């Protein structure tokens, strides 16, 4: 089965003629129209976009075969996927989250940190979540300074652990970022 990427999520019904709110996860919200039929993650259901128009922070869309509010309400919460190969190539220093999840995370000195668990964005920029072999996960800014190298072909990311995390007292800083423990300054 080809790798699938979530490109949209169906929201609540909109009106009485089968329209739904559609949240897209693409740079261009209307790009979902170019990918052909969208499917559920398990591939058991497919949806073909009939119409879409822009709303405040989402699209208002209709799917072929969905003509009533009741039918539209049953779609609420369904995530829609496309095959990875249907998506455009990324620019340099841009990545699809699915390409990063599972990569080995190494320090700049070659020490293993764990695996990339997820990429998050809570509104202040991307955060990379790394699951170490044991202990709590690491949440670090996904910036060029902290992640200076992403090697998709090699299956790894290089992490430059920050020496200081803004907003923490020196006593509360994580042990991996305390000076004098063999880390580069």
N, C-alpha and C. Protein backbone atom coordinates (compact mmCIF):
# COMPACT_ATOMS: atom_id res chain seq x y z
N UNK A 1 0.85 -1.19 0.00
CA UNK A 1 0.00 0.00 0.00
C UNK A 1 0.89 1.24 0.00
N UNK A 2 0.61 2.21 -0.88
CA UNK A 2 1.45 3.41 -0.93
C UNK A 2 1.30 4.25 0.34
N UNK A 3 2.34 5.04 0.61
CA UNK A 3 2.28 5.95 1.76
C UNK A 3 1.19 6.98 1.53
N UNK A 4 0.38 7.21 2.54
CA UNK A 4 -0.72 8.16 2.44
C UNK A 4 -0.43 9.38 3.31
N UNK A 5 -0.89 10.54 2.84
CA UNK A 5 -0.73 11.77 3.59
C UNK A 5 -2.10 12.41 3.76
N UNK A 6 -2.40 12.81 5.00
CA UNK A 6 -3.67 13.46 5.30
C UNK A 6 -3.63 14.88 4.74
N UNK A 7 -4.59 15.20 3.86
CA UNK A 7 -4.63 16.53 3.24
C UNK A 7 -5.83 17.35 3.68
N UNK A 8 -6.80 16.72 4.35
CA UNK A 8 -7.99 17.47 4.77
C UNK A 8 -8.77 16.70 5.83
N UNK A 9 -9.64 17.43 6.52
CA UNK A 9 -10.55 16.82 7.50
C UNK A 9 -11.92 17.43 7.28
N UNK A 10 -12.92 16.58 7.21
CA UNK A 10 -14.30 17.04 7.04
C UNK A 10 -14.83 17.49 8.39
N UNK A 11 -15.49 18.64 8.37
CA UNK A 11 -16.09 19.17 9.59
C UNK A 11 -17.61 19.05 9.54
N UNK A 12 -18.26 19.92 10.25
CA UNK A 12 -19.72 19.90 10.38
C UNK A 12 -20.41 20.18 9.06
N UNK A 13 -21.67 19.77 9.00
CA UNK A 13 -22.50 20.06 7.83
C UNK A 13 -22.69 21.57 7.71
N UNK A 14 -22.87 22.02 6.48
CA UNK A 14 -23.07 23.44 6.21
C UNK A 14 -24.29 23.57 5.31
N UNK A 15 -25.38 24.05 5.84
CA UNK A 15 -26.61 24.19 5.05
C UNK A 15 -27.37 22.87 4.98
N UNK A 16 -28.32 22.81 4.04
CA UNK A 16 -29.22 21.64 3.96
C UNK A 16 -29.02 20.81 2.70
N UNK A 17 -28.08 21.19 1.83
CA UNK A 17 -27.91 20.50 0.54
C UNK A 17 -26.68 19.61 0.48
N UNK A 18 -26.15 19.17 1.62
CA UNK A 18 -25.05 18.23 1.61
C UNK A 18 -23.66 18.84 1.68
N UNK A 19 -23.55 20.14 1.85
CA UNK A 19 -22.24 20.77 1.97
C UNK A 19 -21.66 20.54 3.36
N UNK A 20 -20.33 20.58 3.43
CA UNK A 20 -19.62 20.41 4.70
C UNK A 20 -18.53 21.48 4.81
N UNK A 21 -18.10 21.72 6.03
CA UNK A 21 -16.91 22.52 6.25
C UNK A 21 -15.73 21.58 6.02
N UNK A 22 -14.71 22.06 5.31
CA UNK A 22 -13.56 21.23 4.98
C UNK A 22 -12.29 21.98 5.35
N UNK A 23 -11.52 21.42 6.28
CA UNK A 23 -10.25 22.00 6.68
C UNK A 23 -9.16 21.30 5.89
N UNK A 24 -8.40 22.08 5.12
CA UNK A 24 -7.32 21.49 4.32
C UNK A 24 -5.98 21.74 5.00
N UNK A 25 -5.07 20.82 4.76
CA UNK A 25 -3.72 20.91 5.33
C UNK A 25 -2.69 21.11 4.23
N UNK A 26 -3.09 21.78 3.19
CA UNK A 26 -2.22 22.05 2.05
C UNK A 26 -1.92 23.54 2.00
N UNK A 27 -0.79 23.89 1.41
CA UNK A 27 -0.42 25.31 1.31
C UNK A 27 -1.51 26.10 0.59
N UNK A 28 -1.98 25.57 -0.53
CA UNK A 28 -3.10 26.16 -1.26
C UNK A 28 -4.34 25.34 -0.90
N UNK A 29 -5.31 25.93 -0.21
CA UNK A 29 -6.49 25.17 0.22
C UNK A 29 -7.20 24.45 -0.93
N UNK A 30 -7.17 25.03 -2.12
CA UNK A 30 -7.88 24.43 -3.26
C UNK A 30 -7.08 23.31 -3.93
N UNK A 31 -5.88 23.04 -3.47
CA UNK A 31 -5.06 21.96 -4.05
C UNK A 31 -5.74 20.61 -3.92
N UNK A 32 -6.59 20.44 -2.93
CA UNK A 32 -7.27 19.15 -2.75
C UNK A 32 -8.10 18.77 -3.96
N UNK A 33 -8.50 19.75 -4.78
CA UNK A 33 -9.27 19.45 -5.99
C UNK A 33 -8.42 18.79 -7.06
N UNK A 34 -7.11 19.00 -7.02
CA UNK A 34 -6.21 18.48 -8.06
C UNK A 34 -5.76 17.05 -7.81
N UNK A 35 -6.00 16.49 -6.65
CA UNK A 35 -5.45 15.18 -6.31
C UNK A 35 -6.35 14.02 -6.71
N UNK A 36 -7.49 14.31 -7.29
CA UNK A 36 -8.42 13.24 -7.64
C UNK A 36 -9.19 12.79 -6.41
N UNK A 37 -9.76 11.60 -6.45
CA UNK A 37 -10.53 11.14 -5.29
C UNK A 37 -9.67 11.09 -4.03
N UNK A 38 -10.26 11.52 -2.93
CA UNK A 38 -9.61 11.47 -1.62
C UNK A 38 -10.16 10.25 -0.90
N UNK A 39 -9.34 9.62 -0.08
CA UNK A 39 -9.81 8.40 0.59
C UNK A 39 -9.59 8.48 2.09
N UNK A 40 -10.25 7.57 2.79
CA UNK A 40 -10.00 7.42 4.22
C UNK A 40 -8.65 6.70 4.36
N UNK A 41 -8.08 6.73 5.55
CA UNK A 41 -6.75 6.14 5.75
C UNK A 41 -6.74 4.66 5.41
N UNK A 42 -7.82 3.96 5.70
CA UNK A 42 -7.86 2.52 5.41
C UNK A 42 -8.21 2.24 3.95
N UNK A 43 -8.53 3.29 3.18
CA UNK A 43 -8.83 3.13 1.77
C UNK A 43 -10.21 2.57 1.46
N UNK A 44 -11.02 2.34 2.47
CA UNK A 44 -12.33 1.72 2.27
C UNK A 44 -13.36 2.67 1.68
N UNK A 45 -13.17 3.98 1.87
CA UNK A 45 -14.12 4.96 1.34
C UNK A 45 -13.38 6.00 0.53
N UNK A 46 -13.98 6.40 -0.59
CA UNK A 46 -13.41 7.46 -1.41
C UNK A 46 -14.42 8.59 -1.57
N UNK A 47 -13.90 9.80 -1.69
CA UNK A 47 -14.72 10.99 -1.82
C UNK A 47 -14.21 11.82 -2.97
N UNK A 48 -15.12 12.19 -3.87
CA UNK A 48 -14.75 13.05 -4.99
C UNK A 48 -15.36 14.42 -4.77
N UNK A 49 -14.52 15.41 -4.73
CA UNK A 49 -14.95 16.79 -4.50
C UNK A 49 -15.75 17.28 -5.70
N UNK A 50 -16.96 17.76 -5.44
CA UNK A 50 -17.79 18.30 -6.52
C UNK A 50 -17.60 19.81 -6.64
N UNK A 51 -17.66 20.51 -5.51
CA UNK A 51 -17.50 21.96 -5.48
C UNK A 51 -16.81 22.36 -4.19
N UNK A 52 -16.14 23.51 -4.26
CA UNK A 52 -15.51 24.07 -3.06
C UNK A 52 -15.42 25.58 -3.21
N UNK A 53 -15.70 26.25 -2.11
CA UNK A 53 -15.54 27.70 -2.08
C UNK A 53 -14.90 28.08 -0.75
N UNK A 54 -14.26 29.22 -0.76
CA UNK A 54 -13.53 29.66 0.42
C UNK A 54 -14.47 30.25 1.45
N UNK A 55 -14.21 29.94 2.72
CA UNK A 55 -14.90 30.55 3.86
C UNK A 55 -13.81 31.19 4.72
N UNK A 56 -14.11 31.53 5.96
CA UNK A 56 -13.13 32.22 6.81
C UNK A 56 -11.81 31.46 6.92
N UNK A 57 -11.83 30.34 7.60
CA UNK A 57 -10.60 29.58 7.84
C UNK A 57 -10.72 28.15 7.32
N UNK A 58 -11.62 27.94 6.37
CA UNK A 58 -11.85 26.61 5.83
C UNK A 58 -12.52 26.75 4.46
N UNK A 59 -12.81 25.63 3.85
CA UNK A 59 -13.59 25.62 2.61
C UNK A 59 -14.99 25.12 2.93
N UNK A 60 -15.95 25.52 2.13
CA UNK A 60 -17.28 24.91 2.15
C UNK A 60 -17.30 24.05 0.90
N UNK A 61 -17.49 22.74 1.08
CA UNK A 61 -17.36 21.81 -0.03
C UNK A 61 -18.53 20.85 -0.12
N UNK A 62 -18.74 20.35 -1.32
CA UNK A 62 -19.70 19.27 -1.53
C UNK A 62 -18.96 18.12 -2.20
N UNK A 63 -19.41 16.91 -1.89
CA UNK A 63 -18.85 15.70 -2.48
C UNK A 63 -19.90 15.04 -3.35
N UNK A 64 -19.46 14.44 -4.43
CA UNK A 64 -20.39 13.73 -5.31
C UNK A 64 -21.10 12.64 -4.50
N UNK A 65 -22.42 12.57 -4.67
CA UNK A 65 -23.22 11.57 -3.98
C UNK A 65 -23.72 11.98 -2.61
N UNK A 66 -23.28 13.12 -2.09
CA UNK A 66 -23.73 13.62 -0.79
C UNK A 66 -24.64 14.81 -1.08
N UNK A 67 -25.95 14.63 -0.87
CA UNK A 67 -26.90 15.67 -1.27
C UNK A 67 -27.79 16.19 -0.15
N UNK A 68 -27.72 15.56 1.04
CA UNK A 68 -28.58 16.01 2.14
C UNK A 68 -27.74 16.36 3.36
N UNK A 69 -28.36 17.14 4.23
CA UNK A 69 -27.68 17.50 5.47
C UNK A 69 -27.38 16.26 6.31
N UNK A 70 -28.29 15.30 6.37
CA UNK A 70 -28.06 14.08 7.15
C UNK A 70 -26.84 13.32 6.65
N UNK A 71 -26.71 13.21 5.33
CA UNK A 71 -25.53 12.53 4.77
C UNK A 71 -24.26 13.30 5.11
N UNK A 72 -24.31 14.61 5.03
CA UNK A 72 -23.16 15.45 5.34
C UNK A 72 -22.78 15.34 6.82
N UNK A 73 -23.75 15.30 7.70
CA UNK A 73 -23.47 15.19 9.15
C UNK A 73 -22.73 13.91 9.48
N UNK A 74 -23.00 12.82 8.76
CA UNK A 74 -22.34 11.54 9.03
C UNK A 74 -20.86 11.55 8.63
N UNK A 75 -20.43 12.55 7.87
CA UNK A 75 -19.03 12.63 7.43
C UNK A 75 -18.15 13.41 8.41
N UNK A 76 -18.75 14.08 9.38
CA UNK A 76 -18.02 14.93 10.31
C UNK A 76 -16.86 14.17 10.97
N UNK A 77 -15.67 14.73 10.86
CA UNK A 77 -14.50 14.16 11.52
C UNK A 77 -13.67 13.22 10.65
N UNK A 78 -14.14 12.89 9.46
CA UNK A 78 -13.39 11.98 8.59
C UNK A 78 -12.17 12.71 8.03
N UNK A 79 -11.01 12.07 8.15
CA UNK A 79 -9.79 12.62 7.57
C UNK A 79 -9.63 12.05 6.17
N UNK A 80 -9.16 12.90 5.26
CA UNK A 80 -9.02 12.52 3.86
C UNK A 80 -7.55 12.48 3.45
N UNK A 81 -7.19 11.42 2.73
CA UNK A 81 -5.80 11.14 2.40
C UNK A 81 -5.61 11.02 0.89
N UNK A 82 -4.36 11.26 0.46
CA UNK A 82 -3.94 10.99 -0.91
C UNK A 82 -2.61 10.24 -0.85
N UNK A 83 -2.31 9.55 -1.93
CA UNK A 83 -1.02 8.84 -2.02
C UNK A 83 0.10 9.87 -2.05
N UNK A 84 1.18 9.58 -1.38
CA UNK A 84 2.34 10.48 -1.26
C UNK A 84 2.82 10.94 -2.63
N UNK A 85 2.84 10.04 -3.61
CA UNK A 85 3.38 10.38 -4.93
C UNK A 85 2.51 11.38 -5.70
N UNK A 86 1.28 11.63 -5.27
CA UNK A 86 0.42 12.62 -5.93
C UNK A 86 0.76 14.05 -5.49
N UNK A 87 1.49 14.18 -4.42
CA UNK A 87 1.81 15.50 -3.89
C UNK A 87 3.04 16.07 -4.58
N UNK A 88 3.14 17.39 -4.67
CA UNK A 88 4.30 17.99 -5.31
C UNK A 88 5.57 17.78 -4.49
N UNK A 89 6.70 17.86 -5.16
CA UNK A 89 7.99 17.77 -4.46
C UNK A 89 8.11 18.98 -3.54
N UNK A 90 8.84 18.82 -2.47
CA UNK A 90 9.03 19.91 -1.53
C UNK A 90 10.25 20.73 -1.92
N UNK A 91 10.27 21.97 -1.48
CA UNK A 91 11.44 22.83 -1.69
C UNK A 91 12.52 22.43 -0.68
N UNK A 92 13.71 22.97 -0.89
CA UNK A 92 14.80 22.72 0.04
C UNK A 92 14.38 23.22 1.43
N UNK A 93 14.70 22.47 2.45
CA UNK A 93 14.36 22.77 3.84
C UNK A 93 12.86 22.74 4.11
N UNK A 94 12.08 22.07 3.25
CA UNK A 94 10.66 21.82 3.50
C UNK A 94 10.45 20.31 3.46
N UNK A 95 9.60 19.82 4.37
CA UNK A 95 9.40 18.38 4.48
C UNK A 95 7.94 18.09 4.80
N UNK A 96 7.46 16.97 4.30
CA UNK A 96 6.18 16.47 4.74
C UNK A 96 6.42 15.78 6.08
N UNK A 97 5.53 16.02 7.03
CA UNK A 97 5.69 15.43 8.36
C UNK A 97 5.87 13.92 8.28
N UNK A 98 5.11 13.28 7.41
CA UNK A 98 5.18 11.83 7.31
C UNK A 98 6.58 11.35 6.91
N UNK A 99 7.35 12.19 6.18
CA UNK A 99 8.70 11.82 5.80
C UNK A 99 9.66 11.88 6.98
N UNK A 100 9.34 12.68 7.98
CA UNK A 100 10.23 12.86 9.14
C UNK A 100 9.94 11.88 10.27
N UNK A 101 8.68 11.50 10.41
CA UNK A 101 8.29 10.63 11.53
C UNK A 101 8.96 9.27 11.36
N UNK A 102 9.62 8.85 12.44
CA UNK A 102 10.31 7.56 12.43
C UNK A 102 11.80 7.66 12.16
N UNK A 103 12.28 8.84 11.71
CA UNK A 103 13.71 8.98 11.47
C UNK A 103 14.49 8.91 12.77
N UNK A 104 15.72 8.39 12.70
CA UNK A 104 16.61 8.37 13.86
C UNK A 104 17.04 9.80 14.16
N UNK A 105 17.13 10.14 15.41
CA UNK A 105 17.60 11.46 15.85
C UNK A 105 18.97 11.28 16.49
N UNK A 106 19.95 12.03 15.99
CA UNK A 106 21.32 11.97 16.48
C UNK A 106 21.76 13.36 16.91
N UNK A 107 22.69 13.42 17.86
CA UNK A 107 23.27 14.71 18.23
C UNK A 107 24.33 15.07 17.19
N UNK A 108 24.83 16.29 17.27
CA UNK A 108 25.88 16.72 16.34
C UNK A 108 27.17 15.94 16.55
N UNK A 109 27.31 15.31 17.71
CA UNK A 109 28.51 14.50 17.99
C UNK A 109 28.29 13.02 17.66
N UNK A 110 27.11 12.69 17.13
CA UNK A 110 26.85 11.32 16.70
C UNK A 110 26.18 10.43 17.73
N UNK A 111 25.83 10.97 18.89
CA UNK A 111 25.14 10.18 19.92
C UNK A 111 23.67 10.00 19.53
N UNK A 112 23.15 8.82 19.76
CA UNK A 112 21.74 8.54 19.46
C UNK A 112 20.84 9.22 20.49
N UNK A 113 19.81 9.90 20.01
CA UNK A 113 18.83 10.53 20.89
C UNK A 113 17.52 9.75 20.93
N UNK A 114 17.19 9.09 19.85
CA UNK A 114 15.92 8.37 19.76
C UNK A 114 15.36 8.45 18.36
N UNK A 115 14.03 8.52 18.26
CA UNK A 115 13.35 8.58 16.96
C UNK A 115 12.38 9.75 16.95
N UNK A 116 12.18 10.32 15.77
CA UNK A 116 11.21 11.40 15.61
C UNK A 116 9.82 10.80 15.76
N UNK A 117 9.09 11.30 16.72
CA UNK A 117 7.76 10.80 17.03
C UNK A 117 6.68 11.61 16.31
N UNK A 118 6.88 12.94 16.25
CA UNK A 118 5.87 13.80 15.63
C UNK A 118 6.45 15.18 15.38
N UNK A 119 5.74 15.94 14.55
CA UNK A 119 6.02 17.36 14.36
C UNK A 119 4.74 18.08 14.77
N UNK A 120 4.85 19.06 15.65
CA UNK A 120 3.69 19.78 16.15
C UNK A 120 3.82 21.25 15.79
N UNK A 121 2.69 21.93 15.78
CA UNK A 121 2.69 23.39 15.67
C UNK A 121 1.51 23.89 16.48
N UNK A 122 1.84 24.51 17.61
CA UNK A 122 0.81 25.02 18.50
C UNK A 122 0.62 26.53 18.31
N UNK A 123 1.13 27.05 17.20
CA UNK A 123 0.94 28.46 16.88
C UNK A 123 2.20 29.30 16.94
N UNK A 124 3.28 28.78 17.50
CA UNK A 124 4.50 29.57 17.63
C UNK A 124 5.65 28.95 16.84
N UNK A 125 5.35 28.17 15.83
CA UNK A 125 6.39 27.53 15.03
C UNK A 125 6.38 26.03 15.23
N UNK A 126 7.06 25.34 14.33
CA UNK A 126 7.09 23.88 14.39
C UNK A 126 7.97 23.39 15.53
N UNK A 127 7.54 22.27 16.12
CA UNK A 127 8.25 21.63 17.21
C UNK A 127 8.46 20.17 16.81
N UNK A 128 9.67 19.67 16.98
CA UNK A 128 9.97 18.28 16.71
C UNK A 128 9.94 17.51 18.03
N UNK A 129 9.22 16.40 18.04
CA UNK A 129 9.11 15.57 19.24
C UNK A 129 9.94 14.32 19.02
N UNK A 130 10.87 14.08 19.94
CA UNK A 130 11.77 12.94 19.82
C UNK A 130 11.54 12.01 21.00
N UNK A 131 11.35 10.73 20.69
CA UNK A 131 11.17 9.70 21.72
C UNK A 131 12.51 9.01 21.96
N UNK A 132 13.10 9.23 23.13
CA UNK A 132 14.36 8.55 23.43
C UNK A 132 14.10 7.08 23.77
N UNK A 133 15.15 6.25 23.80
CA UNK A 133 14.96 4.84 24.14
C UNK A 133 14.26 4.64 25.48
N UNK A 134 14.53 5.53 26.44
CA UNK A 134 13.80 5.52 27.71
C UNK A 134 13.74 6.93 28.25
N UNK A 135 12.73 7.19 29.03
CA UNK A 135 12.54 8.53 29.57
C UNK A 135 11.48 9.31 28.81
N UNK A 136 11.35 10.57 29.18
CA UNK A 136 10.32 11.40 28.58
C UNK A 136 10.75 11.92 27.21
N UNK A 137 9.79 12.23 26.39
CA UNK A 137 10.09 12.73 25.05
C UNK A 137 10.68 14.13 25.12
N UNK A 138 11.44 14.46 24.09
CA UNK A 138 12.04 15.78 23.96
C UNK A 138 11.21 16.60 22.98
N UNK A 139 10.90 17.82 23.33
CA UNK A 139 10.22 18.75 22.45
C UNK A 139 11.18 19.89 22.17
N UNK A 140 11.57 20.04 20.90
CA UNK A 140 12.56 21.03 20.52
C UNK A 140 12.05 21.84 19.33
N UNK A 141 12.49 23.09 19.21
CA UNK A 141 12.08 23.88 18.05
C UNK A 141 12.60 23.22 16.77
N UNK A 142 11.76 23.15 15.76
CA UNK A 142 12.18 22.59 14.47
C UNK A 142 12.69 23.75 13.62
N UNK A 143 13.90 24.19 13.95
CA UNK A 143 14.54 25.30 13.26
C UNK A 143 15.88 24.80 12.71
N UNK A 144 16.47 25.57 11.80
CA UNK A 144 17.77 25.20 11.26
C UNK A 144 18.85 25.20 12.33
N UNK A 145 18.70 26.03 13.36
CA UNK A 145 19.69 26.07 14.42
C UNK A 145 19.66 24.80 15.26
N UNK A 146 18.49 24.27 15.55
CA UNK A 146 18.36 23.07 16.39
C UNK A 146 18.41 21.79 15.55
N UNK A 147 17.90 21.85 14.33
CA UNK A 147 17.92 20.69 13.43
C UNK A 147 18.71 21.11 12.19
N UNK A 148 20.04 21.12 12.29
CA UNK A 148 20.84 21.62 11.17
C UNK A 148 20.89 20.68 9.97
N UNK A 149 20.53 19.41 10.16
CA UNK A 149 20.60 18.47 9.05
C UNK A 149 19.43 17.50 9.08
N UNK A 150 18.78 17.36 7.94
CA UNK A 150 17.75 16.35 7.74
C UNK A 150 18.22 15.50 6.57
N UNK A 151 18.48 14.24 6.84
CA UNK A 151 18.99 13.31 5.83
C UNK A 151 17.93 12.24 5.61
N UNK A 152 16.98 12.53 4.69
CA UNK A 152 15.90 11.57 4.43
C UNK A 152 16.44 10.26 3.89
N UNK A 153 17.38 10.35 2.96
CA UNK A 153 17.94 9.13 2.36
C UNK A 153 18.67 8.28 3.40
N UNK A 154 19.34 8.95 4.33
CA UNK A 154 20.06 8.25 5.39
C UNK A 154 19.19 7.89 6.58
N UNK A 155 17.95 8.38 6.59
CA UNK A 155 17.02 8.04 7.65
C UNK A 155 17.33 8.65 9.00
N UNK A 156 17.83 9.92 8.98
CA UNK A 156 18.17 10.54 10.27
C UNK A 156 18.05 12.05 10.23
N UNK A 157 17.91 12.60 11.43
CA UNK A 157 18.00 14.05 11.62
C UNK A 157 19.10 14.29 12.64
N UNK A 158 19.81 15.39 12.46
CA UNK A 158 20.87 15.77 13.40
C UNK A 158 20.31 16.89 14.27
N UNK A 159 20.47 16.72 15.57
CA UNK A 159 19.94 17.68 16.54
C UNK A 159 21.09 18.37 17.27
N UNK A 160 21.10 19.69 17.24
CA UNK A 160 22.04 20.49 18.03
C UNK A 160 21.27 20.90 19.28
N UNK A 161 21.49 20.15 20.36
CA UNK A 161 20.74 20.42 21.59
C UNK A 161 21.01 21.84 22.08
N UNK A 162 19.95 22.59 22.35
CA UNK A 162 20.13 23.96 22.83
C UNK A 162 20.79 23.97 24.20
N UNK A 163 21.65 24.95 24.42
CA UNK A 163 22.33 25.08 25.71
C UNK A 163 21.42 25.74 26.74
N UNK A 164 20.49 26.55 26.26
CA UNK A 164 19.62 27.26 27.17
C UNK A 164 18.23 27.32 26.54
N UNK A 165 17.23 27.06 27.35
CA UNK A 165 15.87 27.15 26.87
C UNK A 165 15.25 28.38 27.49
N UNK A 166 14.80 29.31 26.65
CA UNK A 166 14.25 30.56 27.13
C UNK A 166 13.06 30.30 28.04
N UNK A 167 13.03 30.98 29.17
CA UNK A 167 11.91 30.87 30.08
C UNK A 167 12.14 29.90 31.23
N UNK A 168 13.22 29.14 31.20
CA UNK A 168 13.51 28.22 32.30
C UNK A 168 14.61 28.80 33.17
N UNK A 169 14.51 28.56 34.46
CA UNK A 169 15.59 28.91 35.37
C UNK A 169 16.71 27.92 35.19
N UNK A 170 17.92 28.32 35.52
CA UNK A 170 19.06 27.42 35.36
C UNK A 170 18.87 26.13 36.15
N UNK A 171 18.22 26.23 37.34
CA UNK A 171 18.00 25.04 38.18
C UNK A 171 17.03 24.07 37.51
N UNK A 172 16.14 24.58 36.64
CA UNK A 172 15.11 23.75 36.04
C UNK A 172 15.48 23.26 34.64
N UNK A 173 16.64 23.68 34.12
CA UNK A 173 17.02 23.29 32.76
C UNK A 173 17.20 21.78 32.67
N UNK A 174 16.81 21.17 31.56
CA UNK A 174 16.99 19.73 31.41
C UNK A 174 18.46 19.37 31.48
N UNK A 175 18.77 18.18 32.00
CA UNK A 175 20.16 17.78 32.19
C UNK A 175 20.92 17.74 30.88
N UNK A 176 20.26 17.46 29.77
CA UNK A 176 20.94 17.39 28.48
C UNK A 176 21.44 18.76 28.03
N UNK A 177 20.95 19.84 28.65
CA UNK A 177 21.38 21.16 28.21
C UNK A 177 22.23 21.88 29.24
N UNK A 178 22.63 21.21 30.31
CA UNK A 178 23.47 21.86 31.30
C UNK A 178 24.92 21.89 30.82
N UNK A 179 25.60 23.02 31.00
CA UNK A 179 27.00 23.10 30.58
C UNK A 179 27.86 22.13 31.37
N UNK A 180 28.97 21.71 30.73
CA UNK A 180 29.92 20.88 31.43
C UNK A 180 29.63 19.40 31.37
N UNK A 181 28.69 18.97 30.54
CA UNK A 181 28.38 17.55 30.45
C UNK A 181 28.78 16.97 29.10
N UNK A 182 29.85 17.52 28.51
CA UNK A 182 30.36 16.96 27.26
C UNK A 182 29.65 17.46 26.02
N UNK A 183 28.80 18.44 26.14
CA UNK A 183 28.11 18.98 24.98
C UNK A 183 28.90 20.16 24.45
N UNK A 184 28.77 20.42 23.17
CA UNK A 184 29.41 21.60 22.59
C UNK A 184 28.75 22.85 23.14
N UNK A 185 29.53 23.93 23.36
CA UNK A 185 28.92 25.16 23.87
C UNK A 185 28.00 25.81 22.87
